[in-house]
Amino acid sequence: MNIGEAAEASGLSAKMIRHYEAIDLLQPQRRGNNYRDFSAHDVAELSFIRHARDLAFPLEDVRRLLALWRDRGRASADVRRVALDHVAALEAKAQSLQALAGSLRHLAQHCHGDGRPECPILDGLEAPAGGLAAQA
C-alpha cells in the first residue's frame, strides 16, 4: 500500500510516517519507481509507534520498545523497565506541573482582578528565575 493508505490504516499522518522513516524507526520497501510500499507488518509497526507516542513515550523509548517488540526472544523484564521508567518520568513531570499550577494559583489569588494597574501575576512573571516557585 502507498503512504496515504498506510497513514489512514495506522492513524498517523503521511508527514509523521516520513519523519519516522527519516529517523530510522522503520524502513518500508521501495517500489521500482522509488515509492514507498507499506506491508501489513509496516502498518502494524506504525500503529505500535502511534500508540507508544499516545502514551507520551519519548522517541528513544519508542525505539527501544519497538526493538523489543520485534525481538520475540525478549525478556518482559526489559519492557517493564522501560515502562516503569516512563511512569516515573511522567510522575515527576506531573509533580512539577502541580508546583507550577500552585505558584500561578497563589499569584492569581493575590490579584485584585479589578481596574487597578497593580498585578501580582505580572510582578511574579517579572521576578528573577525561581520567583514563581518561591512564591507558592
N, C-alpha and C. Protein backbone atom coordinates (compact mmCIF):
# COMPACT_ATOMS: atom_id res chain seq x y z
N MET A 1 0.84 -1.18 0.00
CA MET A 1 0.00 0.00 0.00
C MET A 1 0.89 1.25 0.00
N ASN A 2 0.35 2.34 -0.47
CA ASN A 2 1.12 3.58 -0.54
C ASN A 2 1.07 4.31 0.81
N ILE A 3 1.75 5.43 0.90
CA ILE A 3 1.87 6.13 2.17
C ILE A 3 0.53 6.68 2.65
N GLY A 4 -0.32 7.11 1.74
CA GLY A 4 -1.63 7.61 2.13
C GLY A 4 -2.49 6.52 2.74
N GLU A 5 -2.44 5.35 2.15
CA GLU A 5 -3.20 4.21 2.68
C GLU A 5 -2.64 3.76 4.03
N ALA A 6 -1.31 3.77 4.15
CA ALA A 6 -0.67 3.40 5.41
C ALA A 6 -1.01 4.43 6.50
N ALA A 7 -1.06 5.69 6.11
CA ALA A 7 -1.42 6.74 7.06
C ALA A 7 -2.84 6.52 7.57
N GLU A 8 -3.76 6.27 6.67
CA GLU A 8 -5.15 6.05 7.08
C GLU A 8 -5.28 4.80 7.95
N ALA A 9 -4.59 3.74 7.59
CA ALA A 9 -4.69 2.48 8.33
C ALA A 9 -4.06 2.58 9.72
N SER A 10 -3.02 3.39 9.86
CA SER A 10 -2.29 3.46 11.13
C SER A 10 -2.75 4.60 12.03
N GLY A 11 -3.45 5.58 11.46
CA GLY A 11 -3.86 6.74 12.25
C GLY A 11 -2.80 7.81 12.35
N LEU A 12 -1.74 7.69 11.58
CA LEU A 12 -0.68 8.69 11.54
C LEU A 12 -0.79 9.50 10.26
N SER A 13 -0.22 10.69 10.26
CA SER A 13 -0.18 11.48 9.03
C SER A 13 0.98 10.99 8.16
N ALA A 14 0.87 11.25 6.87
CA ALA A 14 1.96 10.89 5.96
C ALA A 14 3.24 11.63 6.36
N LYS A 15 3.09 12.85 6.83
CA LYS A 15 4.26 13.63 7.27
C LYS A 15 4.98 12.93 8.43
N MET A 16 4.21 12.42 9.41
CA MET A 16 4.84 11.72 10.54
C MET A 16 5.48 10.42 10.09
N ILE A 17 4.84 9.73 9.16
CA ILE A 17 5.43 8.49 8.65
C ILE A 17 6.77 8.79 7.99
N ARG A 18 6.82 9.84 7.19
CA ARG A 18 8.10 10.23 6.56
C ARG A 18 9.14 10.56 7.62
N HIS A 19 8.71 11.25 8.68
CA HIS A 19 9.63 11.60 9.77
C HIS A 19 10.16 10.33 10.44
N TYR A 20 9.28 9.40 10.76
CA TYR A 20 9.71 8.16 11.42
C TYR A 20 10.65 7.35 10.52
N GLU A 21 10.41 7.43 9.22
CA GLU A 21 11.33 6.77 8.29
C GLU A 21 12.68 7.50 8.28
N ALA A 22 12.65 8.82 8.30
CA ALA A 22 13.88 9.62 8.26
C ALA A 22 14.76 9.37 9.48
N ILE A 23 14.14 9.09 10.63
CA ILE A 23 14.93 8.85 11.84
C ILE A 23 15.14 7.34 12.08
N ASP A 24 14.86 6.56 11.06
CA ASP A 24 15.12 5.11 11.07
C ASP A 24 14.31 4.31 12.09
N LEU A 25 13.09 4.74 12.36
CA LEU A 25 12.22 3.90 13.19
C LEU A 25 11.64 2.76 12.36
N LEU A 26 11.48 2.99 11.08
CA LEU A 26 11.00 1.94 10.18
C LEU A 26 11.58 2.16 8.80
N GLN A 27 11.63 1.12 8.02
CA GLN A 27 12.15 1.20 6.66
C GLN A 27 11.25 0.40 5.73
N PRO A 28 10.22 1.05 5.19
CA PRO A 28 9.35 0.32 4.25
C PRO A 28 10.10 -0.01 2.97
N GLN A 29 9.63 -1.02 2.29
CA GLN A 29 10.21 -1.39 0.99
C GLN A 29 9.93 -0.26 -0.01
N ARG A 30 10.75 -0.20 -1.03
CA ARG A 30 10.56 0.78 -2.11
C ARG A 30 10.25 0.03 -3.40
N ARG A 31 9.32 0.55 -4.16
CA ARG A 31 8.99 0.00 -5.48
C ARG A 31 10.05 0.44 -6.48
N GLY A 32 9.96 -0.07 -7.68
CA GLY A 32 10.89 0.29 -8.74
C GLY A 32 10.90 1.78 -9.03
N ASN A 33 9.77 2.45 -8.83
CA ASN A 33 9.69 3.89 -9.05
C ASN A 33 10.10 4.69 -7.80
N ASN A 34 10.64 4.00 -6.80
CA ASN A 34 11.14 4.56 -5.54
C ASN A 34 10.02 5.02 -4.60
N TYR A 35 8.77 4.67 -4.90
CA TYR A 35 7.67 4.97 -3.98
C TYR A 35 7.70 3.96 -2.84
N ARG A 36 7.30 4.42 -1.68
CA ARG A 36 7.22 3.51 -0.52
C ARG A 36 6.11 2.49 -0.75
N ASP A 37 6.37 1.27 -0.31
CA ASP A 37 5.37 0.20 -0.41
C ASP A 37 5.22 -0.41 0.98
N PHE A 38 4.15 -0.06 1.68
CA PHE A 38 3.95 -0.49 3.06
C PHE A 38 3.22 -1.82 3.10
N SER A 39 3.75 -2.73 3.88
CA SER A 39 3.11 -4.03 4.10
C SER A 39 2.20 -3.94 5.32
N ALA A 40 1.44 -5.01 5.55
CA ALA A 40 0.60 -5.06 6.75
C ALA A 40 1.48 -4.99 8.00
N HIS A 41 2.65 -5.59 7.96
CA HIS A 41 3.57 -5.54 9.10
C HIS A 41 4.06 -4.10 9.34
N ASP A 42 4.35 -3.38 8.26
CA ASP A 42 4.75 -1.97 8.40
C ASP A 42 3.64 -1.16 9.07
N VAL A 43 2.40 -1.41 8.68
CA VAL A 43 1.27 -0.70 9.28
C VAL A 43 1.14 -1.06 10.75
N ALA A 44 1.37 -2.32 11.08
CA ALA A 44 1.34 -2.74 12.49
C ALA A 44 2.42 -1.99 13.28
N GLU A 45 3.61 -1.83 12.70
CA GLU A 45 4.67 -1.08 13.37
C GLU A 45 4.29 0.38 13.52
N LEU A 46 3.68 0.96 12.50
CA LEU A 46 3.24 2.35 12.59
C LEU A 46 2.18 2.52 13.67
N SER A 47 1.26 1.58 13.77
CA SER A 47 0.24 1.63 14.82
C SER A 47 0.88 1.50 16.20
N PHE A 48 1.88 0.63 16.31
CA PHE A 48 2.62 0.47 17.57
C PHE A 48 3.26 1.80 17.95
N ILE A 49 3.92 2.44 16.99
CA ILE A 49 4.58 3.73 17.24
C ILE A 49 3.55 4.77 17.68
N ARG A 50 2.41 4.81 16.98
CA ARG A 50 1.37 5.79 17.33
C ARG A 50 0.87 5.56 18.75
N HIS A 51 0.63 4.31 19.11
CA HIS A 51 0.14 4.03 20.47
C HIS A 51 1.19 4.41 21.52
N ALA A 52 2.44 4.12 21.24
CA ALA A 52 3.51 4.48 22.19
C ALA A 52 3.60 6.00 22.33
N ARG A 53 3.49 6.72 21.23
CA ARG A 53 3.53 8.18 21.30
C ARG A 53 2.29 8.74 21.99
N ASP A 54 1.13 8.08 21.81
CA ASP A 54 -0.08 8.49 22.52
C ASP A 54 0.11 8.39 24.03
N LEU A 55 0.96 7.45 24.47
CA LEU A 55 1.27 7.30 25.89
C LEU A 55 2.45 8.19 26.30
N ALA A 56 2.84 9.09 25.41
CA ALA A 56 3.89 10.10 25.67
C ALA A 56 5.28 9.51 25.85
N PHE A 57 5.54 8.32 25.29
CA PHE A 57 6.90 7.80 25.33
C PHE A 57 7.78 8.67 24.44
N PRO A 58 8.96 9.06 24.93
CA PRO A 58 9.90 9.79 24.08
C PRO A 58 10.37 8.89 22.93
N LEU A 59 10.83 9.50 21.86
CA LEU A 59 11.22 8.72 20.68
C LEU A 59 12.27 7.65 20.98
N GLU A 60 13.22 7.95 21.84
CA GLU A 60 14.23 6.94 22.15
C GLU A 60 13.62 5.74 22.86
N ASP A 61 12.63 5.97 23.71
CA ASP A 61 11.93 4.85 24.34
C ASP A 61 11.08 4.10 23.33
N VAL A 62 10.47 4.82 22.40
CA VAL A 62 9.71 4.17 21.33
C VAL A 62 10.65 3.27 20.54
N ARG A 63 11.84 3.76 20.25
CA ARG A 63 12.83 2.96 19.52
C ARG A 63 13.17 1.68 20.31
N ARG A 64 13.38 1.82 21.63
CA ARG A 64 13.68 0.65 22.47
C ARG A 64 12.51 -0.33 22.50
N LEU A 65 11.31 0.21 22.69
CA LEU A 65 10.13 -0.64 22.75
C LEU A 65 9.88 -1.34 21.41
N LEU A 66 10.08 -0.63 20.34
CA LEU A 66 9.90 -1.23 19.01
C LEU A 66 10.91 -2.35 18.79
N ALA A 67 12.14 -2.13 19.21
CA ALA A 67 13.16 -3.20 19.10
C ALA A 67 12.77 -4.40 19.95
N LEU A 68 12.26 -4.16 21.14
CA LEU A 68 11.82 -5.26 22.00
C LEU A 68 10.61 -5.97 21.40
N TRP A 69 9.71 -5.22 20.82
CA TRP A 69 8.52 -5.81 20.19
C TRP A 69 8.91 -6.69 19.01
N ARG A 70 9.90 -6.24 18.25
CA ARG A 70 10.37 -7.01 17.10
C ARG A 70 11.12 -8.27 17.53
N ASP A 71 11.72 -8.25 18.71
CA ASP A 71 12.53 -9.36 19.22
C ASP A 71 11.63 -10.33 20.00
N ARG A 72 11.25 -11.41 19.38
CA ARG A 72 10.35 -12.37 20.02
C ARG A 72 11.04 -13.12 21.17
N GLY A 73 12.36 -13.01 21.27
CA GLY A 73 13.09 -13.63 22.36
C GLY A 73 13.37 -12.68 23.52
N ARG A 74 12.71 -11.55 23.52
CA ARG A 74 12.93 -10.52 24.53
C ARG A 74 12.53 -11.02 25.92
N ALA A 75 13.06 -10.35 26.91
CA ALA A 75 12.64 -10.59 28.29
C ALA A 75 11.60 -9.53 28.64
N SER A 76 10.48 -9.95 29.17
CA SER A 76 9.43 -8.99 29.52
C SER A 76 9.93 -8.00 30.58
N ALA A 77 10.93 -8.40 31.35
CA ALA A 77 11.50 -7.50 32.36
C ALA A 77 12.09 -6.26 31.70
N ASP A 78 12.65 -6.42 30.51
CA ASP A 78 13.22 -5.26 29.80
C ASP A 78 12.12 -4.29 29.38
N VAL A 79 11.00 -4.83 28.93
CA VAL A 79 9.86 -3.99 28.53
C VAL A 79 9.30 -3.28 29.76
N ARG A 80 9.16 -4.03 30.84
CA ARG A 80 8.62 -3.48 32.08
C ARG A 80 9.50 -2.35 32.60
N ARG A 81 10.82 -2.51 32.49
CA ARG A 81 11.73 -1.47 32.97
C ARG A 81 11.54 -0.18 32.18
N VAL A 82 11.40 -0.27 30.87
CA VAL A 82 11.17 0.92 30.04
C VAL A 82 9.85 1.59 30.45
N ALA A 83 8.82 0.78 30.64
CA ALA A 83 7.51 1.33 31.01
C ALA A 83 7.55 2.00 32.38
N LEU A 84 8.17 1.34 33.36
CA LEU A 84 8.19 1.92 34.70
C LEU A 84 9.09 3.15 34.78
N ASP A 85 10.17 3.17 34.01
CA ASP A 85 10.99 4.38 33.95
C ASP A 85 10.17 5.54 33.39
N HIS A 86 9.33 5.24 32.41
CA HIS A 86 8.48 6.27 31.81
C HIS A 86 7.43 6.74 32.82
N VAL A 87 6.86 5.80 33.57
CA VAL A 87 5.90 6.17 34.61
C VAL A 87 6.55 7.13 35.60
N ALA A 88 7.77 6.82 36.03
CA ALA A 88 8.48 7.69 36.98
C ALA A 88 8.70 9.08 36.38
N ALA A 89 9.07 9.14 35.11
CA ALA A 89 9.27 10.44 34.45
C ALA A 89 7.95 11.21 34.36
N LEU A 90 6.87 10.51 34.04
CA LEU A 90 5.56 11.17 33.98
C LEU A 90 5.13 11.69 35.35
N GLU A 91 5.37 10.89 36.38
CA GLU A 91 5.00 11.33 37.73
C GLU A 91 5.82 12.54 38.18
N ALA A 92 7.10 12.56 37.83
CA ALA A 92 7.94 13.71 38.15
C ALA A 92 7.44 14.95 37.41
N LYS A 93 7.08 14.76 36.15
CA LYS A 93 6.55 15.88 35.36
C LYS A 93 5.24 16.37 35.96
N ALA A 94 4.39 15.44 36.39
CA ALA A 94 3.11 15.82 37.00
C ALA A 94 3.34 16.62 38.27
N GLN A 95 4.30 16.22 39.09
CA GLN A 95 4.61 16.97 40.30
C GLN A 95 5.10 18.37 39.97
N SER A 96 5.94 18.46 38.96
CA SER A 96 6.45 19.76 38.54
C SER A 96 5.30 20.65 38.04
N LEU A 97 4.39 20.08 37.26
CA LEU A 97 3.25 20.85 36.78
C LEU A 97 2.33 21.27 37.92
N GLN A 98 2.17 20.41 38.93
CA GLN A 98 1.36 20.77 40.10
C GLN A 98 1.99 21.95 40.84
N ALA A 99 3.31 21.93 40.97
CA ALA A 99 4.00 23.03 41.64
C ALA A 99 3.82 24.33 40.86
N LEU A 100 3.93 24.25 39.54
CA LEU A 100 3.72 25.44 38.72
C LEU A 100 2.28 25.96 38.85
N ALA A 101 1.32 25.04 38.83
CA ALA A 101 -0.08 25.43 38.99
C ALA A 101 -0.30 26.09 40.35
N GLY A 102 0.34 25.56 41.38
CA GLY A 102 0.22 26.15 42.71
C GLY A 102 0.79 27.56 42.75
N SER A 103 1.92 27.75 42.09
CA SER A 103 2.53 29.09 42.05
C SER A 103 1.62 30.08 41.34
N LEU A 104 1.08 29.66 40.22
CA LEU A 104 0.21 30.55 39.46
C LEU A 104 -1.10 30.80 40.21
N ARG A 105 -1.63 29.78 40.85
CA ARG A 105 -2.84 29.93 41.66
C ARG A 105 -2.61 30.96 42.77
N HIS A 106 -1.45 30.86 43.43
CA HIS A 106 -1.10 31.79 44.51
C HIS A 106 -1.08 33.23 43.98
N LEU A 107 -0.44 33.42 42.83
CA LEU A 107 -0.40 34.77 42.26
C LEU A 107 -1.79 35.26 41.89
N ALA A 108 -2.61 34.39 41.31
CA ALA A 108 -3.95 34.78 40.89
C ALA A 108 -4.82 35.13 42.10
N GLN A 109 -4.62 34.42 43.22
CA GLN A 109 -5.40 34.70 44.42
C GLN A 109 -5.06 36.07 45.01
N HIS A 110 -3.86 36.56 44.73
CA HIS A 110 -3.44 37.85 45.26
C HIS A 110 -3.65 39.00 44.27
N CYS A 111 -4.20 38.69 43.15
CA CYS A 111 -4.52 39.73 42.16
C CYS A 111 -5.97 40.18 42.41
N HIS A 112 -6.16 41.47 42.48
CA HIS A 112 -7.50 42.00 42.76
C HIS A 112 -8.45 41.78 41.58
N GLY A 113 -7.90 41.70 40.39
CA GLY A 113 -8.76 41.45 39.22
C GLY A 113 -9.74 42.57 38.95
N ASP A 114 -9.31 43.79 39.23
CA ASP A 114 -10.20 44.93 39.01
C ASP A 114 -9.53 45.91 38.04
N GLY A 115 -9.88 47.14 38.11
CA GLY A 115 -9.35 48.15 37.20
C GLY A 115 -7.99 48.70 37.57
N ARG A 116 -7.45 48.31 38.74
CA ARG A 116 -6.14 48.82 39.17
C ARG A 116 -5.03 48.24 38.28
N PRO A 117 -3.98 49.03 38.07
CA PRO A 117 -2.89 48.52 37.24
C PRO A 117 -1.95 47.54 37.96
N GLU A 118 -1.93 47.58 39.30
CA GLU A 118 -1.03 46.70 40.04
C GLU A 118 -1.51 45.26 39.86
N CYS A 119 -0.55 44.39 39.59
CA CYS A 119 -0.92 42.99 39.35
C CYS A 119 0.19 42.06 39.83
N PRO A 120 -0.05 41.28 40.87
CA PRO A 120 0.96 40.35 41.37
C PRO A 120 1.34 39.27 40.35
N ILE A 121 0.45 38.99 39.42
CA ILE A 121 0.78 37.99 38.40
C ILE A 121 1.91 38.51 37.53
N LEU A 122 1.76 39.74 37.05
CA LEU A 122 2.81 40.33 36.22
C LEU A 122 4.09 40.54 37.02
N ASP A 123 3.95 40.93 38.29
CA ASP A 123 5.13 41.09 39.15
C ASP A 123 5.85 39.76 39.31
N GLY A 124 5.09 38.69 39.47
CA GLY A 124 5.68 37.36 39.61
C GLY A 124 6.38 36.91 38.36
N LEU A 125 5.83 37.25 37.21
CA LEU A 125 6.47 36.89 35.95
C LEU A 125 7.74 37.70 35.72
N GLU A 126 7.77 38.90 36.28
CA GLU A 126 8.93 39.77 36.14
C GLU A 126 10.05 39.35 37.09
N ALA A 127 9.72 38.60 38.14
CA ALA A 127 10.70 38.22 39.17
C ALA A 127 11.84 37.41 38.57
N PRO A 128 13.01 37.44 39.24
CA PRO A 128 14.13 36.63 38.77
C PRO A 128 13.77 35.15 38.71
N ALA A 129 14.57 34.35 38.02
CA ALA A 129 14.34 32.91 37.88
C ALA A 129 14.06 32.30 39.24
N GLY A 130 13.07 31.44 39.30
CA GLY A 130 12.69 30.81 40.55
C GLY A 130 11.70 31.62 41.34
N GLY A 131 11.40 32.82 40.89
CA GLY A 131 10.49 33.70 41.62
C GLY A 131 9.09 33.12 41.76
N LEU A 132 8.57 32.54 40.71
CA LEU A 132 7.22 31.97 40.79
C LEU A 132 7.18 30.80 41.77
N ALA A 133 8.12 29.89 41.64
CA ALA A 133 8.12 28.71 42.51
C ALA A 133 8.31 29.12 43.97
N ALA A 134 9.09 30.15 44.20
CA ALA A 134 9.37 30.59 45.57
C ALA A 134 8.12 31.21 46.21
N GLN A 135 7.20 31.73 45.38
CA GLN A 135 6.02 32.39 45.92
C GLN A 135 4.89 31.41 46.24
N ALA A 136 5.03 30.16 45.87
CA ALA A 136 3.95 29.18 46.09
C ALA A 136 3.79 28.83 47.55
